[in-house]
Amino acid sequence: MNYFELYNLPISFQIDNALVKKKFYELSKRYHPDFYVNESDEKQAEILELSTLNNKAYQVLSDPLKRIEYVLSLNNMLADGDKYVLPQDFLMDMMDVNEALMEMEFDHDELKLAELSGQIDAKEMALFDELKSSTDEFDAKAGADAESILLRIKDIWYRQKYLMRIRESLNKFRV
């Protein structure tokens, strides 16, 4: 059973967070281990497993980035050890950013840091817009176009992950 099935929701990138929270609380009450202390060991183990599944489902479905990763995994778009190759133009842009970060290690400059941060902000916003458009398109269409849309979402997801690492590096320079 996947997390969407557990919450009786369609597989979707855009979901109602209030409904996810409601389902979480509903299942938390239903599968609370304290209500099953007088049951058999097997029943207690089953309830504990369902309670754990509910907690994991909530953690994933309530977090947009984890949800994207999960939907991609459900659609066999991500594999363990996957060596995804990012687009060449993106890598060239990131090479420039990484060079600027390396220079920042030797010559810390708040103005350059702000400029670099602004560039990353702009790239993140562009990716967010692209992702929103693609996930909306996937949720609206099912079937023939689904795979090509999922491939596009996968590419955006990997680029976002890369930018998050860049953002972490940038944050190390903030005083």
C-alpha atoms as a PDB file:
ATOM      1  CA  MET A   1       0.000   0.000   0.000  1.00  0.00           C
ATOM      2  CA  ASN A   2       1.418   3.368  -0.966  1.00  0.00           C
ATOM      3  CA  TYR A   3       0.924   6.550   1.040  1.00  0.00           C
ATOM      4  CA  PHE A   4      -1.750   7.910  -1.282  1.00  0.00           C
ATOM      5  CA  GLU A   5      -3.751   4.690  -0.963  1.00  0.00           C
ATOM      6  CA  LEU A   6      -3.392   4.807   2.821  1.00  0.00           C
ATOM      7  CA  TYR A   7      -4.958   8.280   2.824  1.00  0.00           C
ATOM      8  CA  ASN A   8      -7.425   7.377   0.063  1.00  0.00           C
ATOM      9  CA  LEU A   9      -6.051  10.111  -2.205  1.00  0.00           C
ATOM     10  CA  PRO A  10      -5.240  10.063  -5.917  1.00  0.00           C
ATOM     11  CA  ILE A  11      -1.541  10.051  -6.786  1.00  0.00           C
ATOM     12  CA  SER A  12      -0.863  13.717  -7.325  1.00  0.00           C
ATOM     13  CA  PHE A  13       1.858  16.321  -6.933  1.00  0.00           C
ATOM     14  CA  GLN A  14      -0.564  18.985  -5.707  1.00  0.00           C
ATOM     15  CA  ILE A  15      -2.656  17.856  -2.751  1.00  0.00           C
ATOM     16  CA  ASP A  16      -4.833  19.479  -0.124  1.00  0.00           C
ATOM     17  CA  ASN A  17      -2.565  19.821   2.913  1.00  0.00           C
ATOM     18  CA  ALA A  18      -5.539  20.247   5.246  1.00  0.00           C
ATOM     19  CA  LEU A  19      -6.956  16.943   4.012  1.00  0.00           C
ATOM     20  CA  VAL A  20      -3.596  15.218   4.495  1.00  0.00           C
ATOM     21  CA  LYS A  21      -3.435  16.528   8.053  1.00  0.00           C
ATOM     22  CA  LYS A  22      -7.030  15.423   8.698  1.00  0.00           C
ATOM     23  CA  LYS A  23      -6.292  11.897   7.397  1.00  0.00           C
ATOM     24  CA  PHE A  24      -3.128  11.770   9.497  1.00  0.00           C
ATOM     25  CA  TYR A  25      -4.986  12.615  12.705  1.00  0.00           C
ATOM     26  CA  GLU A  26      -7.807  10.242  11.836  1.00  0.00           C
ATOM     27  CA  LEU A  27      -5.422   7.331  11.286  1.00  0.00           C
ATOM     28  CA  SER A  28      -3.292   8.320  14.278  1.00  0.00           C
ATOM     29  CA  LYS A  29      -6.328   7.814  16.483  1.00  0.00           C
ATOM     30  CA  ARG A  30      -7.364   4.600  14.736  1.00  0.00           C
ATOM     31  CA  TYR A  31      -3.899   3.030  14.866  1.00  0.00           C
ATOM     32  CA  HIS A  32      -2.659   4.329  18.208  1.00  0.00           C
ATOM     33  CA  PRO A  33      -0.786   1.434  19.879  1.00  0.00           C
ATOM     34  CA  ASP A  34      -2.178   2.285  23.331  1.00  0.00           C
ATOM     35  CA  PHE A  35      -5.644   1.221  22.186  1.00  0.00           C
ATOM     36  CA  TYR A  36      -4.390  -2.287  21.419  1.00  0.00           C
ATOM     37  CA  VAL A  37      -2.453  -3.239  24.568  1.00  0.00           C
ATOM     38  CA  ASN A  38      -4.887  -6.083  25.327  1.00  0.00           C
ATOM     39  CA  GLU A  39      -4.693  -7.520  21.812  1.00  0.00           C
ATOM     40  CA  SER A  40      -2.485 -10.361  20.616  1.00  0.00           C
ATOM     41  CA  ASP A  41       1.186  -9.741  19.856  1.00  0.00           C
ATOM     42  CA  GLU A  42       0.425 -10.114  16.146  1.00  0.00           C
ATOM     43  CA  LYS A  43      -2.336  -7.506  16.274  1.00  0.00           C
ATOM     44  CA  GLN A  44      -0.092  -5.130  18.248  1.00  0.00           C
ATOM     45  CA  ALA A  45       2.682  -5.581  15.672  1.00  0.00           C
ATOM     46  CA  GLU A  46       0.212  -4.921  12.841  1.00  0.00           C
ATOM     47  CA  ILE A  47      -1.056  -1.744  14.529  1.00  0.00           C
ATOM     48  CA  LEU A  48       2.481  -0.550  15.209  1.00  0.00           C
ATOM     49  CA  GLU A  49       3.322  -1.098  11.545  1.00  0.00           C
ATOM     50  CA  LEU A  50       0.227   0.845  10.440  1.00  0.00           C
ATOM     51  CA  SER A  51       1.012   3.637  12.896  1.00  0.00           C
ATOM     52  CA  THR A  52       4.561   3.853  11.538  1.00  0.00           C
ATOM     53  CA  LEU A  53       3.254   3.827   7.955  1.00  0.00           C
ATOM     54  CA  ASN A  54       0.877   6.663   8.830  1.00  0.00           C
ATOM     55  CA  ASN A  55       3.709   8.749  10.317  1.00  0.00           C
ATOM     56  CA  LYS A  56       5.923   8.181   7.272  1.00  0.00           C
ATOM     57  CA  ALA A  57       3.035   8.956   4.917  1.00  0.00           C
ATOM     58  CA  TYR A  58       2.389  12.246   6.660  1.00  0.00           C
ATOM     59  CA  GLN A  59       6.071  13.221   6.611  1.00  0.00           C
ATOM     60  CA  VAL A  60       6.263  12.595   2.871  1.00  0.00           C
ATOM     61  CA  LEU A  61       2.887  13.876   1.707  1.00  0.00           C
ATOM     62  CA  SER A  62       3.037  17.073   3.761  1.00  0.00           C
ATOM     63  CA  ASP A  63       6.451  18.049   2.355  1.00  0.00           C
ATOM     64  CA  PRO A  64       6.279  19.173  -1.306  1.00  0.00           C
ATOM     65  CA  LEU A  65       9.847  18.096  -2.194  1.00  0.00           C
ATOM     66  CA  LYS A  66       9.519  14.706  -0.508  1.00  0.00           C
ATOM     67  CA  ARG A  67       6.150  14.265  -2.212  1.00  0.00           C
ATOM     68  CA  ILE A  68       7.716  14.960  -5.615  1.00  0.00           C
ATOM     69  CA  GLU A  69      10.424  12.397  -4.934  1.00  0.00           C
ATOM     70  CA  TYR A  70       7.794   9.895  -3.783  1.00  0.00           C
ATOM     71  CA  VAL A  71       5.554  10.351  -6.834  1.00  0.00           C
ATOM     72  CA  LEU A  72       8.578  10.005  -9.110  1.00  0.00           C
ATOM     73  CA  SER A  73       9.552   6.810  -7.267  1.00  0.00           C
ATOM     74  CA  LEU A  74       6.035   5.406  -7.547  1.00  0.00           C
ATOM     75  CA  ASN A  75       6.277   5.964 -11.294  1.00  0.00           C
ATOM     76  CA  ASN A  76       9.680   4.239 -11.504  1.00  0.00           C
ATOM     77  CA  MET A  77      11.447   7.474 -12.391  1.00  0.00           C
ATOM     78  CA  LEU A  78      14.026   7.226  -9.591  1.00  0.00           C
ATOM     79  CA  ALA A  79      16.225   4.259  -8.844  1.00  0.00           C
ATOM     80  CA  ASP A  80      18.714   3.670  -6.053  1.00  0.00           C
ATOM     81  CA  GLY A  81      22.141   4.689  -7.256  1.00  0.00           C
ATOM     82  CA  ASP A  82      20.623   6.607 -10.166  1.00  0.00           C
ATOM     83  CA  LYS A  83      23.357   8.683 -11.823  1.00  0.00           C
ATOM     84  CA  TYR A  84      21.216  11.367 -13.387  1.00  0.00           C
ATOM     85  CA  VAL A  85      23.005  13.624 -15.848  1.00  0.00           C
ATOM     86  CA  LEU A  86      21.951  17.234 -15.544  1.00  0.00           C
ATOM     87  CA  PRO A  87      21.565  19.371 -18.690  1.00  0.00           C
ATOM     88  CA  GLN A  88      24.842  20.775 -19.996  1.00  0.00           C
ATOM     89  CA  ASP A  89      23.692  24.406 -19.954  1.00  0.00           C
ATOM     90  CA  PHE A  90      22.628  24.078 -16.309  1.00  0.00           C
ATOM     91  CA  LEU A  91      25.983  22.530 -15.404  1.00  0.00           C
ATOM     92  CA  MET A  92      27.837  25.361 -17.147  1.00  0.00           C
ATOM     93  CA  ASP A  93      25.852  27.922 -15.127  1.00  0.00           C
ATOM     94  CA  MET A  94      26.580  25.998 -11.952  1.00  0.00           C
ATOM     95  CA  MET A  95      30.273  25.804 -12.800  1.00  0.00           C
ATOM     96  CA  ASP A  96      30.352  29.607 -12.776  1.00  0.00           C
ATOM     97  CA  VAL A  97      28.509  29.656  -9.448  1.00  0.00           C
ATOM     98  CA  ASN A  98      30.875  27.077  -7.945  1.00  0.00           C
ATOM     99  CA  GLU A  99      33.882  29.080  -9.111  1.00  0.00           C
ATOM    100  CA  ALA A 100      32.432  32.173  -7.442  1.00  0.00           C
ATOM    101  CA  LEU A 101      31.928  30.150  -4.250  1.00  0.00           C
ATOM    102  CA  MET A 102      35.541  28.980  -4.337  1.00  0.00           C
ATOM    103  CA  GLU A 103      36.712  32.569  -4.771  1.00  0.00           C
ATOM    104  CA  MET A 104      34.513  33.522  -1.823  1.00  0.00           C
ATOM    105  CA  GLU A 105      36.481  31.127   0.396  1.00  0.00           C
ATOM    106  CA  PHE A 106      39.659  33.119  -0.210  1.00  0.00           C
ATOM    107  CA  ASP A 107      38.196  36.582  -0.586  1.00  0.00           C
ATOM    108  CA  HIS A 108      34.935  36.983   1.332  1.00  0.00           C
ATOM    109  CA  ASP A 109      32.947  39.846  -0.154  1.00  0.00           C
ATOM    110  CA  GLU A 110      29.428  40.621   1.114  1.00  0.00           C
ATOM    111  CA  LEU A 111      28.523  42.371  -2.139  1.00  0.00           C
ATOM    112  CA  LYS A 112      29.527  39.349  -4.233  1.00  0.00           C
ATOM    113  CA  LEU A 113      27.720  37.092  -1.764  1.00  0.00           C
ATOM    114  CA  ALA A 114      24.520  39.122  -2.142  1.00  0.00           C
ATOM    115  CA  GLU A 115      24.862  39.093  -5.931  1.00  0.00           C
ATOM    116  CA  LEU A 116      25.432  35.341  -5.992  1.00  0.00           C
ATOM    117  CA  SER A 117      22.523  34.786  -3.633  1.00  0.00           C
ATOM    118  CA  GLY A 118      20.318  36.862  -5.932  1.00  0.00           C
ATOM    119  CA  GLN A 119      21.341  34.739  -8.920  1.00  0.00           C
ATOM    120  CA  ILE A 120      20.459  31.562  -7.017  1.00  0.00           C
ATOM    121  CA  ASP A 121      17.143  33.092  -5.902  1.00  0.00           C
ATOM    122  CA  ALA A 122      16.283  33.834  -9.529  1.00  0.00           C
ATOM    123  CA  LYS A 123      17.204  30.308 -10.646  1.00  0.00           C
ATOM    124  CA  GLU A 124      15.173  28.796  -7.798  1.00  0.00           C
ATOM    125  CA  MET A 125      12.132  30.906  -8.677  1.00  0.00           C
ATOM    126  CA  ALA A 126      12.387  29.955 -12.340  1.00  0.00           C
ATOM    127  CA  LEU A 127      12.613  26.276 -11.389  1.00  0.00           C
ATOM    128  CA  PHE A 128       9.702  26.635  -8.974  1.00  0.00           C
ATOM    129  CA  ASP A 129       7.545  28.147 -11.729  1.00  0.00           C
ATOM    130  CA  GLU A 130       8.598  25.424 -14.167  1.00  0.00           C
ATOM    131  CA  LEU A 131       7.895  22.740 -11.568  1.00  0.00           C
ATOM    132  CA  LYS A 132       4.484  24.172 -10.674  1.00  0.00           C
ATOM    133  CA  SER A 133       3.504  24.273 -14.326  1.00  0.00           C
ATOM    134  CA  SER A 134       4.704  20.709 -14.945  1.00  0.00           C
ATOM    135  CA  THR A 135       3.120  19.205 -11.818  1.00  0.00           C
ATOM    136  CA  ASP A 136      -0.173  20.945 -12.593  1.00  0.00           C
ATOM    137  CA  GLU A 137       0.023  19.564 -16.121  1.00  0.00           C
ATOM    138  CA  PHE A 138       0.687  16.042 -14.808  1.00  0.00           C
ATOM    139  CA  ASP A 139      -2.184  16.232 -12.328  1.00  0.00           C
ATOM    140  CA  ALA A 140      -4.560  17.451 -15.051  1.00  0.00           C
ATOM    141  CA  LYS A 141      -3.531  14.817 -17.602  1.00  0.00           C
ATOM    142  CA  ALA A 142      -3.028  11.143 -17.185  1.00  0.00           C
ATOM    143  CA  GLY A 143      -2.016   8.588 -19.724  1.00  0.00           C
ATOM    144  CA  ALA A 144      -0.001   9.116 -22.861  1.00  0.00           C
ATOM    145  CA  ASP A 145       1.751  12.352 -21.908  1.00  0.00           C
ATOM    146  CA  ALA A 146       2.419  11.266 -18.320  1.00  0.00           C
ATOM    147  CA  GLU A 147       5.872   9.806 -18.933  1.00  0.00           C
ATOM    148  CA  SER A 148       7.235  12.844 -20.769  1.00  0.00           C
ATOM    149  CA  ILE A 149       5.844  15.149 -18.075  1.00  0.00           C
ATOM    150  CA  LEU A 150       7.350  12.958 -15.345  1.00  0.00           C
ATOM    151  CA  LEU A 151      10.731  13.068 -17.098  1.00  0.00           C
ATOM    152  CA  ARG A 152      10.523  16.861 -17.138  1.00  0.00           C
ATOM    153  CA  ILE A 153       9.596  16.906 -13.427  1.00  0.00           C
ATOM    154  CA  LYS A 154      12.477  14.539 -12.677  1.00  0.00           C
ATOM    155  CA  ASP A 155      14.906  16.894 -14.402  1.00  0.00           C
ATOM    156  CA  ILE A 156      13.572  19.883 -12.466  1.00  0.00           C
ATOM    157  CA  TRP A 157      13.746  17.909  -9.210  1.00  0.00           C
ATOM    158  CA  TYR A 158      17.432  17.075  -9.772  1.00  0.00           C
ATOM    159  CA  ARG A 159      18.229  20.681 -10.652  1.00  0.00           C
ATOM    160  CA  GLN A 160      16.442  21.818  -7.482  1.00  0.00           C
ATOM    161  CA  LYS A 161      18.474  19.382  -5.405  1.00  0.00           C
ATOM    162  CA  TYR A 162      21.649  20.785  -6.925  1.00  0.00           C
ATOM    163  CA  LEU A 163      20.565  24.338  -6.146  1.00  0.00           C
ATOM    164  CA  MET A 164      19.770  23.352  -2.559  1.00  0.00           C
ATOM    165  CA  ARG A 165      23.368  22.184  -2.147  1.00  0.00           C
ATOM    166  CA  ILE A 166      24.576  25.479  -3.612  1.00  0.00           C
ATOM    167  CA  ARG A 167      22.270  27.332  -1.209  1.00  0.00           C
ATOM    168  CA  GLU A 168      23.762  25.387   1.733  1.00  0.00           C
ATOM    169  CA  SER A 169      27.251  26.388   0.598  1.00  0.00           C
ATOM    170  CA  LEU A 170      26.164  30.010   0.283  1.00  0.00           C
ATOM    171  CA  ASN A 171      24.679  29.987   3.767  1.00  0.00           C
ATOM    172  CA  LYS A 172      28.068  29.003   5.215  1.00  0.00           C
ATOM    173  CA  PHE A 173      29.381  32.412   4.165  1.00  0.00           C
ATOM    174  CA  ARG A 174      26.679  34.371   5.942  1.00  0.00           C
ATOM    175  CA  VAL A 175      27.828  35.984   9.156  1.00  0.00           C
END
